[in-house]
Amino acid sequence: WPGHGPLYTGAGVGAALLAFFFFAAGTQGTVPWLERGSAS
């Protein structure tokens, strides 16, 4: 695939995982992320 799209996609998804981790960690006291979203 031409251009930088693949690299931007990989970097973007990695950054999104990090951002969501910090958001979930900061709100874990009020939002049960693990309880509602884990692969039980």
All heavy atoms as atom14 arrays in JSON, in Angstrom:
{
  "sequence": "WPGHGPLYTGAGVGAALLAFFFFAAGTQGTVPWLERGSAS",
  "atom14_mask": [
    [1, 1, 1, 1, 1, 1, 1, 1, 1, 1, 1, 1, 1, 1],
    [1, 1, 1, 1, 1, 1, 1, 0, 0, 0, 0, 0, 0, 0],
    [1, 1, 1, 1, 0, 0, 0, 0, 0, 0, 0, 0, 0, 0],
    [1, 1, 1, 1, 1, 1, 1, 1, 1, 1, 0, 0, 0, 0],
    [1, 1, 1, 1, 0, 0, 0, 0, 0, 0, 0, 0, 0, 0],
    [1, 1, 1, 1, 1, 1, 1, 0, 0, 0, 0, 0, 0, 0],
    [1, 1, 1, 1, 1, 1, 1, 1, 0, 0, 0, 0, 0, 0],
    [1, 1, 1, 1, 1, 1, 1, 1, 1, 1, 1, 1, 0, 0],
    [1, 1, 1, 1, 1, 1, 1, 0, 0, 0, 0, 0, 0, 0],
    [1, 1, 1, 1, 0, 0, 0, 0, 0, 0, 0, 0, 0, 0],
    [1, 1, 1, 1, 1, 0, 0, 0, 0, 0, 0, 0, 0, 0],
    [1, 1, 1, 1, 0, 0, 0, 0, 0, 0, 0, 0, 0, 0],
    [1, 1, 1, 1, 1, 1, 1, 0, 0, 0, 0, 0, 0, 0],
    [1, 1, 1, 1, 0, 0, 0, 0, 0, 0, 0, 0, 0, 0],
    [1, 1, 1, 1, 1, 0, 0, 0, 0, 0, 0, 0, 0, 0],
    [1, 1, 1, 1, 1, 0, 0, 0, 0, 0, 0, 0, 0, 0],
    [1, 1, 1, 1, 1, 1, 1, 1, 0, 0, 0, 0, 0, 0],
    [1, 1, 1, 1, 1, 1, 1, 1, 0, 0, 0, 0, 0, 0],
    [1, 1, 1, 1, 1, 0, 0, 0, 0, 0, 0, 0, 0, 0],
    [1, 1, 1, 1, 1, 1, 1, 1, 1, 1, 1, 0, 0, 0],
    [1, 1, 1, 1, 1, 1, 1, 1, 1, 1, 1, 0, 0, 0],
    [1, 1, 1, 1, 1, 1, 1, 1, 1, 1, 1, 0, 0, 0],
    [1, 1, 1, 1, 1, 1, 1, 1, 1, 1, 1, 0, 0, 0],
    [1, 1, 1, 1, 1, 0, 0, 0, 0, 0, 0, 0, 0, 0],
    [1, 1, 1, 1, 1, 0, 0, 0, 0, 0, 0, 0, 0, 0],
    [1, 1, 1, 1, 0, 0, 0, 0, 0, 0, 0, 0, 0, 0],
    [1, 1, 1, 1, 1, 1, 1, 0, 0, 0, 0, 0, 0, 0],
    [1, 1, 1, 1, 1, 1, 1, 1, 1, 0, 0, 0, 0, 0],
    [1, 1, 1, 1, 0, 0, 0, 0, 0, 0, 0, 0, 0, 0],
    [1, 1, 1, 1, 1, 1, 1, 0, 0, 0, 0, 0, 0, 0],
    [1, 1, 1, 1, 1, 1, 1, 0, 0, 0, 0, 0, 0, 0],
    [1, 1, 1, 1, 1, 1, 1, 0, 0, 0, 0, 0, 0, 0],
    [1, 1, 1, 1, 1, 1, 1, 1, 1, 1, 1, 1, 1, 1],
    [1, 1, 1, 1, 1, 1, 1, 1, 0, 0, 0, 0, 0, 0],
    [1, 1, 1, 1, 1, 1, 1, 1, 1, 0, 0, 0, 0, 0],
    [1, 1, 1, 1, 1, 1, 1, 1, 1, 1, 1, 0, 0, 0],
    [1, 1, 1, 1, 0, 0, 0, 0, 0, 0, 0, 0, 0, 0],
    [1, 1, 1, 1, 1, 1, 0, 0, 0, 0, 0, 0, 0, 0],
    [1, 1, 1, 1, 1, 0, 0, 0, 0, 0, 0, 0, 0, 0],
    [1, 1, 1, 1, 1, 1, 0, 0, 0, 0, 0, 0, 0, 0]
  ],
  "atom14_positions": [
    [[0.85, -1.19, 0.0], [0.0, 0.0, 0.0], [0.88, 1.24, 0.0], [1.79, 1.38, 0.81], [-0.91, 0.0, 1.23], [-1.89, 1.12, 1.2], [-1.76, 2.35, 1.79], [-3.15, 1.15, 0.52], [-2.85, 3.13, 1.52], [-3.73, 2.43, 0.75], [-3.84, 0.21, -0.25], [-4.96, 2.78, 0.24], [-5.08, 0.57, -0.77], [-5.63, 1.84, -0.52]],
    [[0.63, 2.17, -0.92], [1.5, 3.34, -1.03], [1.28, 4.34, 0.1], [0.25, 4.32, 0.78], [1.09, 3.94, -2.38], [-0.34, 3.52, -2.56], [-0.43, 2.15, -1.95], [0.0, 0.0, 0.0], [0.0, 0.0, 0.0], [0.0, 0.0, 0.0], [0.0, 0.0, 0.0], [0.0, 0.0, 0.0], [0.0, 0.0, 0.0], [0.0, 0.0, 0.0]],
    [[2.23, 5.2, 0.29], [2.1, 6.26, 1.28], [2.38, 5.8, 2.69], [2.91, 4.71, 2.92], [0.0, 0.0, 0.0], [0.0, 0.0, 0.0], [0.0, 0.0, 0.0], [0.0, 0.0, 0.0], [0.0, 0.0, 0.0], [0.0, 0.0, 0.0], [0.0, 0.0, 0.0], [0.0, 0.0, 0.0], [0.0, 0.0, 0.0], [0.0, 0.0, 0.0]],
    [[2.02, 6.65, 3.65], [2.33, 6.39, 5.06], [1.12, 5.88, 5.85], [1.19, 5.78, 7.07], [2.86, 7.67, 5.72], [4.12, 8.19, 5.09], [5.33, 7.55, 5.24], [4.33, 9.26, 4.29], [6.26, 8.22, 4.57], [5.69, 9.26, 3.98], [0.0, 0.0, 0.0], [0.0, 0.0, 0.0], [0.0, 0.0, 0.0], [0.0, 0.0, 0.0]],
    [[0.02, 5.57, 5.15], [-1.2, 5.12, 5.84], [-0.98, 3.94, 6.76], [-1.43, 3.96, 7.92], [0.0, 0.0, 0.0], [0.0, 0.0, 0.0], [0.0, 0.0, 0.0], [0.0, 0.0, 0.0], [0.0, 0.0, 0.0], [0.0, 0.0, 0.0], [0.0, 0.0, 0.0], [0.0, 0.0, 0.0], [0.0, 0.0, 0.0], [0.0, 0.0, 0.0]],
    [[-0.3, 2.87, 6.32], [-0.09, 1.72, 7.21], [0.66, 2.08, 8.49], [0.28, 1.65, 9.59], [0.71, 0.75, 6.34], [0.3, 1.09, 4.95], [0.13, 2.58, 4.95], [0.0, 0.0, 0.0], [0.0, 0.0, 0.0], [0.0, 0.0, 0.0], [0.0, 0.0, 0.0], [0.0, 0.0, 0.0], [0.0, 0.0, 0.0], [0.0, 0.0, 0.0]],
    [[1.72, 2.88, 8.37], [2.48, 3.27, 9.55], [1.65, 4.14, 10.49], [1.65, 3.95, 11.71], [3.74, 4.03, 9.14], [4.63, 4.53, 10.28], [5.12, 3.37, 11.14], [5.8, 5.34, 9.74], [0.0, 0.0, 0.0], [0.0, 0.0, 0.0], [0.0, 0.0, 0.0], [0.0, 0.0, 0.0], [0.0, 0.0, 0.0], [0.0, 0.0, 0.0]],
    [[0.89, 5.08, 9.91], [0.04, 5.93, 10.74], [-1.03, 5.1, 11.45], [-1.39, 5.38, 12.59], [-0.63, 7.0, 9.88], [0.31, 8.04, 9.32], [-0.04, 8.79, 8.2], [1.56, 8.25, 9.89], [0.82, 9.75, 7.68], [2.43, 9.21, 9.37], [2.06, 9.95, 8.26], [2.92, 10.88, 7.74], [0.0, 0.0, 0.0], [0.0, 0.0, 0.0]],
    [[-1.55, 4.07, 10.76], [-2.57, 3.23, 11.38], [-1.99, 2.45, 12.55], [-2.58, 2.4, 13.64], [-3.15, 2.25, 10.35], [-3.68, 2.99, 9.25], [-4.25, 1.4, 10.96], [0.0, 0.0, 0.0], [0.0, 0.0, 0.0], [0.0, 0.0, 0.0], [0.0, 0.0, 0.0], [0.0, 0.0, 0.0], [0.0, 0.0, 0.0], [0.0, 0.0, 0.0]],
    [[-0.83, 1.81, 12.35], [-0.2, 1.07, 13.44], [0.13, 1.97, 14.61], [-0.13, 1.62, 15.78], [0.0, 0.0, 0.0], [0.0, 0.0, 0.0], [0.0, 0.0, 0.0], [0.0, 0.0, 0.0], [0.0, 0.0, 0.0], [0.0, 0.0, 0.0], [0.0, 0.0, 0.0], [0.0, 0.0, 0.0], [0.0, 0.0, 0.0], [0.0, 0.0, 0.0]],
    [[0.7, 3.16, 14.33], [1.04, 4.1, 15.4], [-0.22, 4.63, 16.08], [-0.26, 4.79, 17.3], [1.87, 5.25, 14.84], [0.0, 0.0, 0.0], [0.0, 0.0, 0.0], [0.0, 0.0, 0.0], [0.0, 0.0, 0.0], [0.0, 0.0, 0.0], [0.0, 0.0, 0.0], [0.0, 0.0, 0.0], [0.0, 0.0, 0.0], [0.0, 0.0, 0.0]],
    [[-1.26, 4.88, 15.28], [-2.5, 5.4, 15.84], [-3.19, 4.43, 16.77], [-3.67, 4.8, 17.85], [0.0, 0.0, 0.0], [0.0, 0.0, 0.0], [0.0, 0.0, 0.0], [0.0, 0.0, 0.0], [0.0, 0.0, 0.0], [0.0, 0.0, 0.0], [0.0, 0.0, 0.0], [0.0, 0.0, 0.0], [0.0, 0.0, 0.0], [0.0, 0.0, 0.0]],
    [[-3.24, 3.16, 16.37], [-3.85, 2.14, 17.23], [-3.03, 1.96, 18.51], [-3.58, 1.85, 19.61], [-3.99, 0.81, 16.47], [-4.4, -0.31, 17.42], [-5.02, 0.95, 15.35], [0.0, 0.0, 0.0], [0.0, 0.0, 0.0], [0.0, 0.0, 0.0], [0.0, 0.0, 0.0], [0.0, 0.0, 0.0], [0.0, 0.0, 0.0], [0.0, 0.0, 0.0]],
    [[-1.7, 1.95, 18.38], [-0.87, 1.85, 19.57], [-1.1, 3.02, 20.51], [-1.21, 2.84, 21.73], [0.0, 0.0, 0.0], [0.0, 0.0, 0.0], [0.0, 0.0, 0.0], [0.0, 0.0, 0.0], [0.0, 0.0, 0.0], [0.0, 0.0, 0.0], [0.0, 0.0, 0.0], [0.0, 0.0, 0.0], [0.0, 0.0, 0.0], [0.0, 0.0, 0.0]],
    [[-1.18, 4.24, 19.96], [-1.43, 5.42, 20.79], [-2.81, 5.36, 21.43], [-2.99, 5.76, 22.59], [-1.29, 6.68, 19.94], [0.0, 0.0, 0.0], [0.0, 0.0, 0.0], [0.0, 0.0, 0.0], [0.0, 0.0, 0.0], [0.0, 0.0, 0.0], [0.0, 0.0, 0.0], [0.0, 0.0, 0.0], [0.0, 0.0, 0.0], [0.0, 0.0, 0.0]],
    [[-3.8, 4.84, 20.69], [-5.16, 4.72, 21.24], [-5.2, 3.74, 22.41], [-5.9, 3.98, 23.41], [-6.12, 4.28, 20.14], [0.0, 0.0, 0.0], [0.0, 0.0, 0.0], [0.0, 0.0, 0.0], [0.0, 0.0, 0.0], [0.0, 0.0, 0.0], [0.0, 0.0, 0.0], [0.0, 0.0, 0.0], [0.0, 0.0, 0.0], [0.0, 0.0, 0.0]],
    [[-4.45, 2.64, 22.3], [-4.38, 1.69, 23.41], [-3.8, 2.35, 24.66], [-4.31, 2.16, 25.78], [-3.53, 0.48, 23.02], [-4.12, -0.47, 21.98], [-3.1, -1.55, 21.62], [-5.41, -1.11, 22.48], [0.0, 0.0, 0.0], [0.0, 0.0, 0.0], [0.0, 0.0, 0.0], [0.0, 0.0, 0.0], [0.0, 0.0, 0.0], [0.0, 0.0, 0.0]],
    [[-2.74, 3.13, 24.48], [-2.12, 3.83, 25.62], [-3.07, 4.86, 26.21], [-3.22, 4.96, 27.44], [-0.82, 4.49, 25.17], [0.36, 3.56, 24.91], [1.47, 4.3, 24.17], [0.91, 3.01, 26.23], [0.0, 0.0, 0.0], [0.0, 0.0, 0.0], [0.0, 0.0, 0.0], [0.0, 0.0, 0.0], [0.0, 0.0, 0.0], [0.0, 0.0, 0.0]],
    [[-3.73, 5.63, 25.34], [-4.64, 6.67, 25.82], [-5.81, 6.06, 26.6], [-6.19, 6.57, 27.67], [-5.15, 7.49, 24.64], [0.0, 0.0, 0.0], [0.0, 0.0, 0.0], [0.0, 0.0, 0.0], [0.0, 0.0, 0.0], [0.0, 0.0, 0.0], [0.0, 0.0, 0.0], [0.0, 0.0, 0.0], [0.0, 0.0, 0.0], [0.0, 0.0, 0.0]],
    [[-6.36, 4.97, 26.07], [-7.48, 4.34, 26.77], [-7.04, 3.73, 28.09], [-7.79, 3.75, 29.07], [-8.11, 3.26, 25.88], [-9.37, 2.68, 26.46], [-10.56, 3.4, 26.42], [-9.37, 1.44, 27.06], [-11.73, 2.88, 26.97], [-10.52, 0.91, 27.61], [-11.71, 1.63, 27.57], [0.0, 0.0, 0.0], [0.0, 0.0, 0.0], [0.0, 0.0, 0.0]],
    [[-5.82, 3.21, 28.14], [-5.31, 2.66, 29.4], [-5.27, 3.73, 30.48], [-5.74, 3.51, 31.62], [-3.91, 2.07, 29.19], [-3.22, 1.71, 30.47], [-3.55, 0.55, 31.16], [-2.24, 2.55, 31.01], [-2.92, 0.23, 32.35], [-1.61, 2.23, 32.2], [-1.95, 1.07, 32.88], [0.0, 0.0, 0.0], [0.0, 0.0, 0.0], [0.0, 0.0, 0.0]],
    [[-4.73, 4.9, 30.16], [-4.63, 5.96, 31.16], [-6.02, 6.5, 31.53], [-6.28, 6.8, 32.7], [-3.75, 7.1, 30.64], [-2.29, 6.76, 30.62], [-1.59, 6.64, 29.42], [-1.6, 6.53, 31.81], [-0.24, 6.31, 29.4], [-0.24, 6.2, 31.8], [0.43, 6.08, 30.6], [0.0, 0.0, 0.0], [0.0, 0.0, 0.0], [0.0, 0.0, 0.0]],
    [[-6.92, 6.57, 30.54], [-8.28, 7.02, 30.83], [-9.0, 6.03, 31.75], [-9.62, 6.43, 32.74], [-9.06, 7.18, 29.53], [-10.5, 7.53, 29.72], [-10.88, 8.79, 30.14], [-11.49, 6.58, 29.49], [-12.22, 9.11, 30.32], [-12.83, 6.88, 29.67], [-13.19, 8.16, 30.09], [0.0, 0.0, 0.0], [0.0, 0.0, 0.0], [0.0, 0.0, 0.0]],
    [[-8.88, 4.74, 31.43], [-9.54, 3.73, 32.26], [-8.93, 3.67, 33.65], [-9.65, 3.52, 34.66], [-9.44, 2.36, 31.59], [0.0, 0.0, 0.0], [0.0, 0.0, 0.0], [0.0, 0.0, 0.0], [0.0, 0.0, 0.0], [0.0, 0.0, 0.0], [0.0, 0.0, 0.0], [0.0, 0.0, 0.0], [0.0, 0.0, 0.0], [0.0, 0.0, 0.0]],
    [[-7.61, 3.81, 33.75], [-6.95, 3.79, 35.06], [-7.4, 4.98, 35.91], [-7.59, 4.85, 37.14], [-5.44, 3.81, 34.88], [0.0, 0.0, 0.0], [0.0, 0.0, 0.0], [0.0, 0.0, 0.0], [0.0, 0.0, 0.0], [0.0, 0.0, 0.0], [0.0, 0.0, 0.0], [0.0, 0.0, 0.0], [0.0, 0.0, 0.0], [0.0, 0.0, 0.0]],
    [[-7.61, 6.13, 35.27], [-8.03, 7.31, 36.01], [-9.47, 7.29, 36.45], [-9.85, 8.02, 37.37], [0.0, 0.0, 0.0], [0.0, 0.0, 0.0], [0.0, 0.0, 0.0], [0.0, 0.0, 0.0], [0.0, 0.0, 0.0], [0.0, 0.0, 0.0], [0.0, 0.0, 0.0], [0.0, 0.0, 0.0], [0.0, 0.0, 0.0], [0.0, 0.0, 0.0]],
    [[-10.3, 6.47, 35.8], [-11.73, 6.42, 36.13], [-12.15, 5.08, 36.71], [-13.35, 4.85, 36.91], [-12.56, 6.71, 34.86], [-12.21, 5.76, 33.84], [-12.29, 8.12, 34.35], [0.0, 0.0, 0.0], [0.0, 0.0, 0.0], [0.0, 0.0, 0.0], [0.0, 0.0, 0.0], [0.0, 0.0, 0.0], [0.0, 0.0, 0.0], [0.0, 0.0, 0.0]],
    [[-11.18, 4.21, 36.98], [-11.52, 2.86, 37.45], [-12.29, 2.88, 38.77], [-13.1, 2.0, 39.04], [-10.24, 2.03, 37.61], [-10.47, 0.58, 38.02], [-11.27, -0.21, 36.98], [-11.07, -0.04, 35.77], [-12.17, -1.05, 37.44], [0.0, 0.0, 0.0], [0.0, 0.0, 0.0], [0.0, 0.0, 0.0], [0.0, 0.0, 0.0], [0.0, 0.0, 0.0]],
    [[-12.06, 3.91, 39.57], [-12.77, 3.99, 40.85], [-14.26, 4.19, 40.7], [-15.03, 3.81, 41.58], [0.0, 0.0, 0.0], [0.0, 0.0, 0.0], [0.0, 0.0, 0.0], [0.0, 0.0, 0.0], [0.0, 0.0, 0.0], [0.0, 0.0, 0.0], [0.0, 0.0, 0.0], [0.0, 0.0, 0.0], [0.0, 0.0, 0.0], [0.0, 0.0, 0.0]],
    [[-14.69, 4.78, 39.6], [-16.12, 5.04, 39.39], [-16.72, 4.25, 38.23], [-17.94, 4.09, 38.16], [-16.34, 6.54, 39.11], [-15.54, 6.94, 37.98], [-15.95, 7.36, 40.32], [0.0, 0.0, 0.0], [0.0, 0.0, 0.0], [0.0, 0.0, 0.0], [0.0, 0.0, 0.0], [0.0, 0.0, 0.0], [0.0, 0.0, 0.0], [0.0, 0.0, 0.0]],
    [[-15.88, 3.77, 37.33], [-16.37, 3.01, 36.16], [-15.76, 1.61, 36.19], [-14.53, 1.47, 36.16], [-15.99, 3.71, 34.84], [-16.54, 2.93, 33.65], [-16.49, 5.16, 34.83], [0.0, 0.0, 0.0], [0.0, 0.0, 0.0], [0.0, 0.0, 0.0], [0.0, 0.0, 0.0], [0.0, 0.0, 0.0], [0.0, 0.0, 0.0], [0.0, 0.0, 0.0]],
    [[-16.57, 0.56, 36.26], [-16.05, -0.81, 36.35], [-15.62, -1.37, 34.99], [-16.24, -2.3, 34.45], [-17.23, -1.59, 36.94], [-18.43, -0.88, 36.4], [-18.05, 0.58, 36.34], [0.0, 0.0, 0.0], [0.0, 0.0, 0.0], [0.0, 0.0, 0.0], [0.0, 0.0, 0.0], [0.0, 0.0, 0.0], [0.0, 0.0, 0.0], [0.0, 0.0, 0.0]],
    [[-14.56, -0.83, 34.43], [-14.13, -1.23, 33.09], [-13.83, -2.72, 33.02], [-14.29, -3.41, 32.09], [-12.89, -0.44, 32.69], [-13.09, 1.03, 32.56], [-12.7, 1.99, 33.44], [-13.75, 1.72, 31.5], [-13.06, 3.24, 32.99], [-13.7, 3.1, 31.79], [-14.35, 1.31, 30.31], [-14.24, 4.07, 30.96], [-14.88, 2.28, 29.47], [-14.84, 3.63, 29.79]],
    [[-13.04, -3.22, 33.94], [-12.64, -4.63, 33.89], [-13.84, -5.54, 34.08], [-13.97, -6.58, 33.42], [-11.58, -4.91, 34.94], [-10.22, -4.25, 34.71], [-9.29, -4.51, 35.91], [-9.57, -4.78, 33.45], [0.0, 0.0, 0.0], [0.0, 0.0, 0.0], [0.0, 0.0, 0.0], [0.0, 0.0, 0.0], [0.0, 0.0, 0.0], [0.0, 0.0, 0.0]],
    [[-14.71, -5.18, 35.0], [-15.9, -6.01, 35.25], [-16.8, -6.09, 34.03], [-17.32, -7.16, 33.7], [-16.68, -5.42, 36.43], [-17.96, -6.18, 36.76], [-18.75, -5.5, 37.86], [-18.17, -4.69, 38.61], [-19.97, -5.78, 37.96], [0.0, 0.0, 0.0], [0.0, 0.0, 0.0], [0.0, 0.0, 0.0], [0.0, 0.0, 0.0], [0.0, 0.0, 0.0]],
    [[-16.94, -4.99, 33.31], [-17.85, -4.96, 32.16], [-17.2, -5.41, 30.85], [-17.91, -5.86, 29.94], [-18.39, -3.53, 31.98], [-19.27, -3.04, 33.12], [-20.52, -3.88, 33.26], [-21.42, -3.37, 34.27], [-22.43, -2.54, 34.02], [-22.65, -2.14, 32.78], [-23.2, -2.12, 34.99], [0.0, 0.0, 0.0], [0.0, 0.0, 0.0], [0.0, 0.0, 0.0]],
    [[-15.86, -5.29, 30.75], [-15.25, -5.51, 29.44], [-14.28, -6.65, 29.31], [-13.84, -6.96, 28.19], [0.0, 0.0, 0.0], [0.0, 0.0, 0.0], [0.0, 0.0, 0.0], [0.0, 0.0, 0.0], [0.0, 0.0, 0.0], [0.0, 0.0, 0.0], [0.0, 0.0, 0.0], [0.0, 0.0, 0.0], [0.0, 0.0, 0.0], [0.0, 0.0, 0.0]],
    [[-13.92, -7.32, 30.41], [-12.92, -8.38, 30.31], [-13.47, -9.59, 29.57], [-14.69, -9.8, 29.48], [-12.46, -8.79, 31.71], [-13.55, -9.31, 32.45], [0.0, 0.0, 0.0], [0.0, 0.0, 0.0], [0.0, 0.0, 0.0], [0.0, 0.0, 0.0], [0.0, 0.0, 0.0], [0.0, 0.0, 0.0], [0.0, 0.0, 0.0], [0.0, 0.0, 0.0]],
    [[-12.57, -10.4, 29.04], [-12.97, -11.6, 28.29], [-13.2, -12.75, 29.26], [-12.37, -13.65, 29.4], [-11.9, -11.97, 27.27], [0.0, 0.0, 0.0], [0.0, 0.0, 0.0], [0.0, 0.0, 0.0], [0.0, 0.0, 0.0], [0.0, 0.0, 0.0], [0.0, 0.0, 0.0], [0.0, 0.0, 0.0], [0.0, 0.0, 0.0], [0.0, 0.0, 0.0]],
    [[-14.33, -12.71, 29.93], [-14.73, -13.79, 30.83], [-15.3, -14.94, 29.99], [-16.3, -14.76, 29.28], [-15.8, -13.29, 31.82], [-16.44, -14.36, 32.46], [0.0, 0.0, 0.0], [0.0, 0.0, 0.0], [0.0, 0.0, 0.0], [0.0, 0.0, 0.0], [0.0, 0.0, 0.0], [0.0, 0.0, 0.0], [0.0, 0.0, 0.0], [0.0, 0.0, 0.0]]
  ]
}
